[in-house]
Protein backbone atom coordinates (compact mmCIF):
# COMPACT_ATOMS: atom_id res chain seq x y z
CA MET A 1 -46.82 -93.09 18.85
CA VAL A 2 -46.92 -89.67 17.21
CA GLU A 3 -43.76 -88.91 15.26
CA THR A 4 -42.24 -85.59 16.19
CA SER A 5 -41.00 -84.80 12.70
CA THR A 6 -43.01 -82.08 10.97
CA ARG A 7 -42.26 -83.54 7.55
CA THR A 8 -44.68 -86.44 7.67
CA ILE A 9 -46.04 -86.48 4.12
CA THR A 10 -47.73 -89.49 2.60
CA ARG A 11 -49.25 -90.07 -0.79
CA PHE A 12 -51.75 -92.28 -2.53
CA ALA A 13 -50.68 -92.81 -6.12
CA PRO A 14 -53.26 -94.80 -8.10
CA SER A 15 -53.13 -95.46 -11.81
CA PRO A 16 -56.25 -93.85 -13.33
CA THR A 17 -57.01 -96.87 -15.49
CA GLY A 18 -60.09 -97.92 -13.52
CA SER A 19 -62.30 -97.12 -10.56
CA LEU A 20 -61.22 -97.08 -6.93
CA HIS A 21 -61.75 -100.50 -5.36
CA ILE A 22 -61.38 -102.01 -1.88
CA GLY A 23 -57.62 -102.62 -2.19
CA GLY A 24 -56.83 -99.10 -3.34
CA ALA A 25 -59.11 -97.54 -0.75
CA HIS A 26 -57.35 -99.58 1.95
CA THR A 27 -53.94 -98.26 0.88
CA ALA A 28 -55.27 -94.71 0.67
CA LEU A 29 -56.79 -95.00 4.14
CA PHE A 30 -53.54 -96.09 5.82
CA ASN A 31 -51.67 -93.23 4.11
CA TYR A 32 -54.33 -90.77 5.22
CA LEU A 33 -54.39 -92.06 8.80
CA TRP A 34 -50.64 -91.87 9.21
CA ALA A 35 -50.40 -88.37 7.79
CA LYS A 36 -53.20 -87.05 10.01
CA HIS A 37 -51.94 -88.94 13.05
CA ASN A 38 -48.73 -86.93 12.77
CA ASN A 39 -50.39 -83.65 11.75
CA GLY A 40 -48.88 -84.13 8.32
CA THR A 41 -49.94 -83.84 4.70
CA PHE A 42 -51.76 -86.35 2.52
CA ILE A 43 -51.18 -86.13 -1.25
CA LEU A 44 -52.98 -87.66 -4.23
CA ARG A 45 -50.92 -88.33 -7.34
CA PHE A 46 -52.16 -89.93 -10.55
CA GLU A 47 -49.51 -92.22 -12.00
CA ASP A 48 -50.76 -92.01 -15.56
CA THR A 49 -47.70 -93.14 -17.49
CA ASP A 50 -49.96 -95.74 -19.14
CA THR A 51 -51.33 -93.13 -21.52
CA VAL A 52 -53.38 -95.66 -23.50
CA ARG A 53 -55.52 -96.83 -20.58
CA SER A 54 -55.44 -93.77 -18.31
CA SER A 55 -58.49 -91.53 -18.34
CA VAL A 56 -59.51 -88.22 -16.78
CA VAL A 57 -62.89 -89.85 -16.14
CA TYR A 58 -61.23 -92.33 -13.79
CA GLU A 59 -59.28 -89.52 -12.14
CA GLU A 60 -62.48 -87.67 -11.36
CA SER A 61 -64.14 -90.87 -10.14
CA ILE A 62 -61.24 -91.71 -7.80
CA LEU A 63 -61.14 -88.18 -6.38
CA GLN A 64 -64.92 -88.19 -5.87
CA ASP A 65 -64.76 -91.53 -4.04
CA MET A 66 -61.91 -90.39 -1.80
CA ARG A 67 -63.76 -87.22 -0.84
CA TRP A 68 -66.88 -89.26 -0.12
CA LEU A 69 -64.86 -91.61 2.11
CA GLY A 70 -63.61 -88.60 4.06
CA MET A 71 -60.03 -88.79 2.73
CA ALA A 72 -59.78 -85.67 0.60
CA PRO A 73 -56.15 -84.85 -0.29
CA ASP A 74 -54.60 -81.74 1.23
CA GLU A 75 -53.36 -80.47 -2.12
CA ASN A 76 -54.62 -80.51 -5.69
CA PRO A 77 -53.84 -83.86 -7.35
CA THR A 78 -50.84 -84.06 -9.68
CA ARG A 79 -50.21 -86.15 -12.80
CA GLN A 80 -47.00 -87.76 -13.92
CA THR A 81 -47.69 -86.89 -17.56
CA GLU A 82 -47.40 -83.21 -16.65
CA ARG A 83 -43.85 -83.60 -15.28
CA GLY A 84 -41.94 -84.68 -18.36
CA ALA A 85 -39.57 -81.70 -18.23
CA ARG A 86 -38.59 -82.53 -14.66
CA TYR A 87 -37.98 -86.19 -15.50
CA ALA A 88 -35.80 -85.15 -18.43
CA GLU A 89 -33.79 -82.95 -16.08
CA VAL A 90 -33.18 -85.79 -13.62
CA LEU A 91 -32.39 -88.23 -16.43
CA ALA A 92 -29.76 -85.78 -17.68
CA GLU A 93 -28.29 -85.74 -14.19
CA LEU A 94 -28.08 -89.55 -14.17
CA ARG A 95 -26.43 -89.46 -17.60
CA SER A 96 -23.86 -86.96 -16.35
CA ARG A 97 -23.08 -89.35 -13.53
CA SER A 98 -22.65 -92.20 -16.02
CA VAL A 99 -25.38 -94.32 -14.44
CA ALA A 100 -27.84 -94.02 -17.34
CA TYR A 101 -27.01 -95.14 -20.86
CA PRO A 102 -28.82 -95.47 -24.21
CA CYS A 103 -29.86 -98.96 -25.20
CA PHE A 104 -30.35 -99.68 -28.92
CA CYS A 105 -31.52 -103.28 -28.58
CA SER A 106 -34.56 -104.34 -30.55
CA ASN A 107 -36.71 -104.49 -27.41
CA THR A 108 -35.98 -100.92 -26.39
CA ASP A 109 -39.56 -100.30 -25.30
CA SER A 110 -39.59 -103.28 -22.96
CA THR A 111 -39.51 -102.30 -19.32
CA GLU A 112 -38.16 -105.72 -18.42
CA PRO A 113 -34.61 -105.41 -17.08
CA GLN A 114 -31.81 -106.89 -19.15
CA SER A 115 -30.25 -109.98 -17.68
CA VAL A 116 -26.83 -109.55 -16.15
CA SER A 117 -25.29 -111.73 -18.87
CA THR A 118 -26.49 -109.53 -21.75
CA ARG A 119 -26.73 -106.02 -20.35
CA ASP A 120 -23.18 -105.05 -21.34
CA ARG A 121 -24.09 -105.11 -25.04
CA CYS A 122 -25.04 -101.41 -24.99
CA ARG A 123 -23.75 -100.50 -21.58
CA ASN A 124 -20.12 -100.69 -22.72
CA LEU A 125 -20.48 -98.75 -25.96
CA SER A 126 -18.07 -95.84 -26.20
CA PRO A 127 -19.43 -92.30 -25.79
CA SER A 128 -18.66 -91.56 -29.43
CA GLU A 129 -20.52 -94.67 -30.63
CA ARG A 130 -23.51 -93.73 -28.55
CA GLU A 131 -23.59 -90.21 -29.95
CA ARG A 132 -23.18 -91.46 -33.52
CA ARG A 133 -26.12 -93.83 -33.24
CA ILE A 134 -28.30 -91.27 -31.49
CA SER A 135 -27.46 -88.65 -34.15
CA ALA A 136 -28.37 -91.17 -36.83
CA GLY A 137 -31.86 -91.35 -35.37
CA GLU A 138 -31.56 -94.90 -34.13
CA ALA A 139 -34.36 -95.84 -31.72
CA HIS A 140 -33.20 -96.22 -28.15
CA CYS A 141 -34.37 -96.22 -24.57
CA TRP A 142 -32.41 -95.14 -21.51
CA ARG A 143 -31.44 -97.76 -18.97
CA PHE A 144 -30.08 -97.52 -15.44
CA ALA A 145 -26.65 -99.12 -15.09
CA ALA A 146 -27.23 -101.30 -12.05
CA PRO A 147 -24.02 -101.63 -10.02
CA GLU A 148 -22.71 -104.89 -8.69
CA LEU A 149 -22.29 -104.21 -4.99
CA ALA A 150 -20.41 -106.55 -2.70
CA GLY A 151 -22.90 -107.80 -0.17
CA GLY A 152 -25.87 -106.52 -2.18
CA ILE A 153 -28.12 -103.57 -1.44
CA THR A 154 -29.68 -103.33 2.00
CA PHE A 155 -32.71 -101.27 2.93
CA ASN A 156 -35.18 -101.12 5.80
CA ASP A 157 -38.90 -101.68 5.70
CA ARG A 158 -40.73 -100.40 8.76
CA LEU A 159 -42.87 -103.52 9.09
CA ARG A 160 -40.43 -106.13 7.77
CA GLY A 161 -37.10 -104.95 9.14
CA ARG A 162 -33.75 -104.99 7.36
CA LEU A 163 -33.75 -106.63 3.92
CA THR A 164 -30.88 -107.35 1.54
CA VAL A 165 -31.05 -108.07 -2.20
CA GLN A 166 -28.03 -109.17 -4.19
CA THR A 167 -27.42 -106.72 -7.02
CA ASP A 168 -26.24 -109.42 -9.40
CA SER A 169 -29.92 -110.34 -9.66
CA ILE A 170 -30.86 -106.84 -10.77
CA GLY A 171 -30.61 -106.24 -14.49
CA ASP A 172 -30.33 -102.82 -16.11
CA PHE A 173 -33.88 -101.45 -16.06
CA VAL A 174 -35.52 -98.86 -18.30
CA LEU A 175 -35.87 -95.25 -17.13
CA ALA A 176 -37.19 -93.72 -20.35
CA ARG A 177 -38.73 -95.44 -23.36
CA SER A 178 -37.85 -94.80 -26.99
CA ASP A 179 -40.94 -92.56 -27.33
CA ALA A 180 -39.54 -90.30 -24.59
CA SER A 181 -42.11 -91.44 -22.03
CA TYR A 182 -40.88 -92.38 -18.57
CA THR A 183 -41.35 -95.56 -16.61
CA TYR A 184 -43.10 -95.89 -13.27
CA LEU A 185 -39.90 -97.02 -11.53
CA PHE A 186 -38.13 -93.81 -12.44
CA ALA A 187 -40.97 -91.28 -12.30
CA VAL A 188 -42.15 -92.34 -8.85
CA VAL A 189 -38.68 -91.73 -7.38
CA VAL A 190 -38.56 -88.21 -8.79
CA ASP A 191 -42.12 -87.47 -7.69
CA ASP A 192 -41.64 -88.77 -4.15
CA HIS A 193 -38.41 -86.81 -3.78
CA ASP A 194 -39.86 -83.56 -5.11
CA SER A 195 -42.96 -83.94 -2.91
CA ASN A 196 -40.81 -84.59 0.18
CA ILE A 197 -42.64 -87.85 0.80
CA SER A 198 -41.57 -89.14 4.20
CA HIS A 199 -43.30 -92.53 4.15
CA VAL A 200 -44.15 -94.65 1.13
CA ILE A 201 -47.04 -96.77 2.37
CA ARG A 202 -48.15 -99.17 -0.36
CA GLY A 203 -49.07 -102.78 -1.07
CA GLU A 204 -46.52 -105.51 -0.56
CA GLU A 205 -46.59 -106.31 -4.29
CA HIS A 206 -44.37 -103.24 -4.70
CA LEU A 207 -41.69 -104.54 -2.34
CA SER A 208 -39.72 -105.95 -5.28
CA ASN A 209 -39.41 -102.41 -6.70
CA VAL A 210 -37.55 -101.07 -3.70
CA PRO A 211 -34.01 -102.27 -4.62
CA LYS A 212 -34.18 -100.57 -8.02
CA GLN A 213 -35.64 -97.39 -6.57
CA GLU A 214 -33.05 -97.36 -3.80
CA LEU A 215 -30.35 -97.54 -6.48
CA ILE A 216 -31.80 -94.47 -8.19
CA TYR A 217 -32.01 -92.55 -4.90
CA ARG A 218 -28.41 -93.36 -4.06
CA ALA A 219 -27.15 -92.56 -7.53
CA LEU A 220 -28.69 -89.07 -7.21
CA GLY A 221 -27.52 -88.57 -3.63
CA TRP A 222 -31.11 -88.30 -2.41
CA GLU A 223 -32.49 -89.64 0.86
CA ALA A 224 -35.04 -92.37 0.30
CA PRO A 225 -38.37 -92.23 2.15
CA GLU A 226 -39.25 -94.74 4.82
CA TRP A 227 -40.60 -97.87 3.14
CA VAL A 228 -43.79 -99.39 4.52
CA HIS A 229 -45.27 -102.29 2.57
CA ILE A 230 -48.64 -103.37 3.94
CA PRO A 231 -50.20 -106.78 3.29
CA MET A 232 -52.31 -107.34 0.21
CA ILE A 233 -56.04 -107.99 0.65
CA LEU A 234 -57.05 -111.47 -0.49
CA ASP A 235 -60.34 -113.10 -1.46
CA ARG A 236 -61.81 -116.08 0.40
CA GLU A 237 -59.65 -118.47 -1.65
CA ARG A 238 -56.63 -116.40 -0.56
CA HIS A 239 -56.01 -115.13 -4.06
CA LYS A 240 -55.36 -111.51 -4.97
CA LEU A 241 -58.62 -109.62 -4.74
CA SER A 242 -60.18 -108.96 -8.13
CA LYS A 243 -63.51 -107.78 -9.52
CA ARG A 244 -64.57 -111.40 -9.90
CA SER A 245 -63.87 -112.10 -6.22
CA GLY A 246 -65.56 -109.12 -4.60
CA ALA A 247 -63.50 -106.05 -5.44
CA ILE A 248 -66.57 -103.93 -6.12
CA SER A 249 -65.85 -100.29 -6.86
CA ILE A 250 -66.25 -97.78 -4.06
CA GLY A 251 -68.65 -95.86 -6.30
CA SER A 252 -70.92 -98.91 -6.48
CA TYR A 253 -70.99 -99.14 -2.69
CA ARG A 254 -71.88 -95.46 -2.50
CA GLU A 255 -74.73 -95.88 -4.97
CA SER A 256 -75.97 -98.93 -3.03
CA GLY A 257 -76.56 -96.87 0.09
CA TRP A 258 -73.48 -97.71 2.12
CA SER A 259 -72.28 -95.07 4.53
CA PRO A 260 -68.65 -94.00 4.00
CA GLU A 261 -67.91 -94.44 7.70
CA ALA A 262 -69.01 -98.08 7.55
CA LEU A 263 -66.54 -98.77 4.74
CA THR A 264 -63.60 -96.96 6.35
CA SER A 265 -64.31 -98.54 9.73
CA TYR A 266 -64.25 -101.95 8.06
CA LEU A 267 -61.14 -101.22 5.97
CA ALA A 268 -59.28 -100.08 9.07
CA THR A 269 -59.65 -103.56 10.57
CA LEU A 270 -57.87 -105.17 7.62
CA SER A 271 -54.28 -105.53 8.93
CA TRP A 272 -54.56 -102.96 11.73
CA SER A 273 -54.66 -105.02 14.92
CA TYR A 274 -56.18 -102.37 17.17
CA ALA A 275 -58.80 -100.85 14.89
CA PRO A 276 -62.08 -100.18 16.76
CA THR A 277 -64.60 -102.95 16.13
CA ASP A 278 -67.45 -101.89 18.39
CA ARG A 279 -68.35 -98.60 16.77
CA ILE A 280 -68.34 -96.57 13.57
CA SER A 281 -65.54 -94.05 13.16
CA ASP A 282 -64.69 -91.59 10.43
CA PRO A 283 -61.09 -91.36 9.13
CA MET A 284 -60.20 -88.36 11.28
CA GLU A 285 -61.33 -90.19 14.42
CA LEU A 286 -59.38 -93.28 13.38
CA SER A 287 -56.25 -91.22 12.75
CA ARG A 288 -56.05 -90.16 16.38
CA VAL A 289 -55.41 -93.73 17.52
CA PHE A 290 -53.78 -95.16 14.41
CA ASP A 291 -50.40 -96.81 14.92
CA LEU A 292 -48.43 -97.84 11.86
CA ASP A 293 -46.33 -100.19 13.95
CA SER A 294 -49.40 -102.23 14.92
CA VAL A 295 -50.10 -103.18 11.30
CA ALA A 296 -49.99 -106.97 11.13
CA LEU A 297 -48.16 -108.73 8.32
CA VAL A 298 -50.81 -111.40 7.85
CA SER A 299 -52.68 -110.82 4.58
CA PRO A 300 -56.32 -110.01 5.45
CA VAL A 301 -59.24 -111.63 3.67
CA HIS A 302 -62.02 -109.45 2.32
CA ASP A 303 -65.09 -110.54 4.26
CA GLU A 304 -68.38 -109.20 2.93
CA GLU A 305 -70.26 -110.33 6.04
CA ARG A 306 -67.82 -108.54 8.31
CA MET A 307 -68.28 -105.43 6.21
CA ARG A 308 -72.04 -105.84 6.60
CA TYR A 309 -71.53 -105.89 10.36
CA PHE A 310 -70.10 -102.37 10.17
CA GLY A 311 -72.90 -101.42 7.80
CA ARG A 312 -75.45 -102.50 10.41
CA LEU A 313 -73.57 -100.55 13.09
CA SER A 314 -73.78 -97.49 10.86
CA VAL A 315 -77.51 -97.85 10.18
CA ALA A 316 -78.12 -98.47 13.89
CA SER A 317 -76.23 -95.31 14.87
CA THR A 318 -77.97 -93.08 12.33
CA PRO A 319 -80.65 -90.85 13.90
CA ILE A 320 -84.06 -92.38 13.27
CA GLU A 321 -85.38 -89.07 11.91
CA THR A 322 -82.60 -89.07 9.31
CA LEU A 323 -83.56 -92.55 8.20
CA LEU A 324 -87.19 -91.48 7.98
CA ASP A 325 -86.23 -88.63 5.66
CA GLU A 326 -84.21 -90.99 3.46
CA CYS A 327 -87.06 -93.52 3.29
CA LEU A 328 -89.88 -91.02 2.90
CA ASP A 329 -90.52 -91.73 -0.77
CA ILE A 330 -90.77 -95.48 -0.15
CA LEU A 331 -93.19 -94.99 2.75
CA ILE A 332 -95.45 -92.68 0.77
CA LEU A 333 -95.38 -94.95 -2.27
CA ASN A 334 -96.43 -98.01 -0.25
CA THR A 335 -99.00 -96.38 2.03
CA GLY A 336 -100.66 -93.77 -0.09
CA ILE A 337 -100.20 -91.31 2.77
CA THR A 338 -98.92 -88.01 1.39
CA ASN A 339 -98.77 -86.11 4.65
CA GLY A 340 -98.94 -86.69 8.34
CA LEU A 341 -96.56 -89.65 8.54
CA GLY A 342 -96.84 -90.51 12.20
CA PRO A 343 -94.65 -92.10 14.86
CA GLU A 344 -95.68 -95.55 13.58
CA MET A 345 -93.31 -95.03 10.66
CA LEU A 346 -90.46 -94.42 13.09
CA LEU A 347 -91.41 -97.59 14.95
CA LEU A 348 -91.38 -99.55 11.70
CA ILE A 349 -87.90 -98.26 10.81
CA GLU A 350 -86.70 -99.09 14.32
CA GLU A 351 -88.10 -102.61 13.89
CA LEU A 352 -86.53 -103.25 10.49
CA ARG A 353 -83.14 -101.56 10.64
CA PRO A 354 -81.17 -104.05 12.83
CA LEU A 355 -80.72 -106.41 9.86
CA CYS A 356 -79.98 -103.70 7.30
CA ALA A 357 -76.42 -102.77 6.35
CA THR A 358 -77.38 -99.91 4.04
CA THR A 359 -80.15 -97.39 3.59
CA GLU A 360 -81.07 -99.11 0.33
CA GLU A 361 -81.58 -102.38 2.19
CA LEU A 362 -83.75 -100.54 4.69
CA LYS A 363 -85.84 -99.11 1.87
CA LEU A 364 -86.26 -102.58 0.38
CA ALA A 365 -87.23 -103.97 3.79
CA ILE A 366 -89.86 -101.25 4.22
CA ALA A 367 -91.20 -101.80 0.71
CA SER A 368 -91.37 -105.55 1.31
CA ALA A 369 -93.11 -105.15 4.67
CA LEU A 370 -95.78 -102.84 3.23
CA ALA A 371 -96.13 -104.35 -0.25
CA THR A 372 -99.52 -105.43 -1.55
CA PRO A 373 -99.68 -109.24 -1.36
CA GLU A 374 -100.36 -111.27 -4.45
CA HIS A 375 -102.95 -113.97 -3.71
CA ASP A 376 -103.89 -116.60 -6.23
CA GLU A 377 -107.61 -117.13 -6.54
CA GLY A 378 -108.67 -119.67 -3.93
CA GLN A 379 -105.27 -119.56 -2.24
CA LEU A 380 -106.74 -118.41 1.07
CA GLU A 381 -109.92 -119.71 2.63
CA GLU A 382 -111.79 -116.54 3.56
CA PRO A 383 -112.75 -116.58 7.28
CA LYS A 384 -116.26 -115.35 8.02
CA TRP A 385 -114.97 -112.87 10.58
CA MET A 386 -112.90 -110.79 8.10
CA PRO A 387 -115.70 -108.31 7.18
CA ALA A 388 -116.54 -107.85 10.84
CA LEU A 389 -112.91 -107.03 11.62
CA ALA A 390 -112.83 -104.55 8.76
CA GLU A 391 -115.93 -102.87 10.18
CA ARG A 392 -114.42 -102.76 13.67
CA LEU A 393 -111.27 -101.08 12.32
CA ALA A 394 -113.35 -98.70 10.21
CA ASN A 395 -115.08 -97.51 13.37
CA LEU A 396 -111.76 -96.61 14.93
CA PRO A 397 -111.52 -92.78 14.68
CA ASN A 398 -108.80 -91.50 12.38
CA THR A 399 -107.30 -89.54 15.25
CA ASN A 400 -106.93 -92.81 17.18
CA TRP A 401 -105.27 -94.70 14.31
CA THR A 402 -102.05 -95.51 16.17
CA PHE A 403 -100.04 -98.65 16.68
CA GLU A 404 -101.25 -99.17 20.25
CA ASN A 405 -104.90 -98.48 19.41
CA VAL A 406 -104.85 -100.76 16.38
CA LYS A 407 -103.15 -103.44 18.44
CA SER A 408 -105.80 -103.16 21.19
CA CYS A 409 -108.64 -103.15 18.64
CA ILE A 410 -107.66 -106.36 16.88
CA LYS A 411 -106.74 -108.06 20.17
CA ALA A 412 -110.16 -107.24 21.62
CA PHE A 413 -111.84 -108.51 18.44
CA GLN A 414 -109.94 -111.80 18.58
CA THR A 415 -110.79 -112.27 22.26
CA GLU A 416 -114.48 -111.50 21.81
CA LEU A 417 -114.85 -114.04 19.01
CA ALA A 418 -112.70 -116.57 20.90
CA ILE A 419 -110.56 -117.23 17.83
CA LYS A 420 -107.33 -119.10 18.54
CA GLY A 421 -104.42 -116.70 18.48
CA ARG A 422 -102.38 -118.49 15.84
CA ASP A 423 -105.35 -119.05 13.56
CA PHE A 424 -106.37 -115.42 13.83
CA TYR A 425 -103.03 -113.66 13.49
CA HIS A 426 -101.54 -116.05 10.94
CA THR A 427 -104.57 -115.75 8.68
CA LEU A 428 -104.73 -111.98 9.08
CA ARG A 429 -100.99 -111.57 8.38
CA LEU A 430 -101.29 -113.57 5.16
CA LYS A 431 -104.26 -111.43 4.18
CA ILE A 432 -102.49 -108.14 4.91
CA THR A 433 -98.92 -108.93 3.84
CA GLY A 434 -98.94 -112.26 2.00
CA ARG A 435 -96.07 -113.40 4.24
CA GLU A 436 -95.70 -115.90 7.07
CA ASP A 437 -93.74 -113.56 9.32
CA GLY A 438 -92.42 -110.04 9.61
CA ALA A 439 -92.77 -106.91 11.71
CA PRO A 440 -95.58 -106.81 14.31
CA LEU A 441 -98.85 -107.07 12.44
CA ALA A 442 -100.55 -104.18 14.25
CA LEU A 443 -97.57 -102.01 13.35
CA ILE A 444 -97.90 -102.91 9.66
CA ILE A 445 -101.64 -102.19 9.75
CA SER A 446 -101.14 -98.85 11.50
CA CYS A 447 -98.45 -97.82 8.99
CA LEU A 448 -100.60 -98.76 5.99
CA GLY A 449 -103.32 -96.40 7.11
CA LYS A 450 -107.01 -97.14 7.63
CA ASN A 451 -108.12 -97.12 3.99
CA ILE A 452 -105.44 -99.46 2.63
CA ALA A 453 -105.62 -101.79 5.62
CA ILE A 454 -109.40 -102.22 5.31
CA GLU A 455 -109.14 -102.57 1.55
CA ARG A 456 -106.71 -105.49 1.97
CA ILE A 457 -108.86 -107.19 4.59
CA LEU A 458 -111.90 -107.07 2.31
CA ARG A 459 -110.00 -108.00 -0.81
CA ARG A 460 -110.97 -111.39 -2.29
């Protein structure tokens, strides 16, 4: 259903420490679909608090990949490292409310929460002691004073329902490090609030962050967004997807000739029960029928063959003339024909494309079909009729060099000499292509052109 609220705003917030991969693209897609389904806004934010590993190069790569996938953000991307003044302002507010305190422990830079049994060491220092140690220049971080609530903290996840976490299991967690940088847990709350994010749609691995973030929201008197934690994509061994198990970067898929619609159509089927499976759809088309409530909680498995199915659908739905343009260089290189590429080329593409998931695969299939065979000396016993066939084809006028005419010519030759069909065509195919099977032989010969075809027949 379409939500009537006009404040539907979602965000994709990657860490720019690497390229965009399948898992990140999946999260971005669901955020994009939900925003557009409700005529809302889709935001891109770079959570670059890891200043050592974050890179502008990765930011540019991620943005390029998202635009290519058809999921361009509606606003210019933002960076957390540019919002330090705002974080300081909110931290001061938490301090004024006595829910943030300086911690002088030796592990001040650790973002691990203190255990309940030890957190009072700095939490219960007097205001004067805190000020004295800060004035003395003693290193410290700022921690959130997690309350101990009777009955725990309860929140709602759209897909998982009402969840409760006991606060005695939540230690005091770091908001700001001793170097004045801010942690993800804290910065993301401020960013989501300031951006009026209505739905936080992210991977289920972030579910454990919700209790701490809810505590920050409530301490500031802010309304939390709606939490939506979607299943994590797994590899075939049902482990978290990684580069070693198939998480190839989106940029690599782009460079390999995949269509963006094939990838988004495939990604939509991972966890979304009613995603179209019989056609290719771009993100805007998918958004019209997307339903967040039909997202299944079963962790999907990344299936390369299923993705190839959508790749084949994409190649099959691409206009044949478009494919010809994309494969023009390969056709010219393998035929020697520099102009006048005829309808035979279109027939060859039509013949080869059903098994191709990308344009690069189609180019390789064309190159393989038309490649010059490599025969070892004495590999083939030369039939006596080969020169006669070459002469018969040479007499075929150039204007009549078409698939149907070539097919009729070699069929008539085989019939006249009463050569068994298999012996004739199998031997000729090996001579022309060096392969046992492939596209119709007359089609290959007609695509090669008269000169190259005759040259191969006479080659010894």
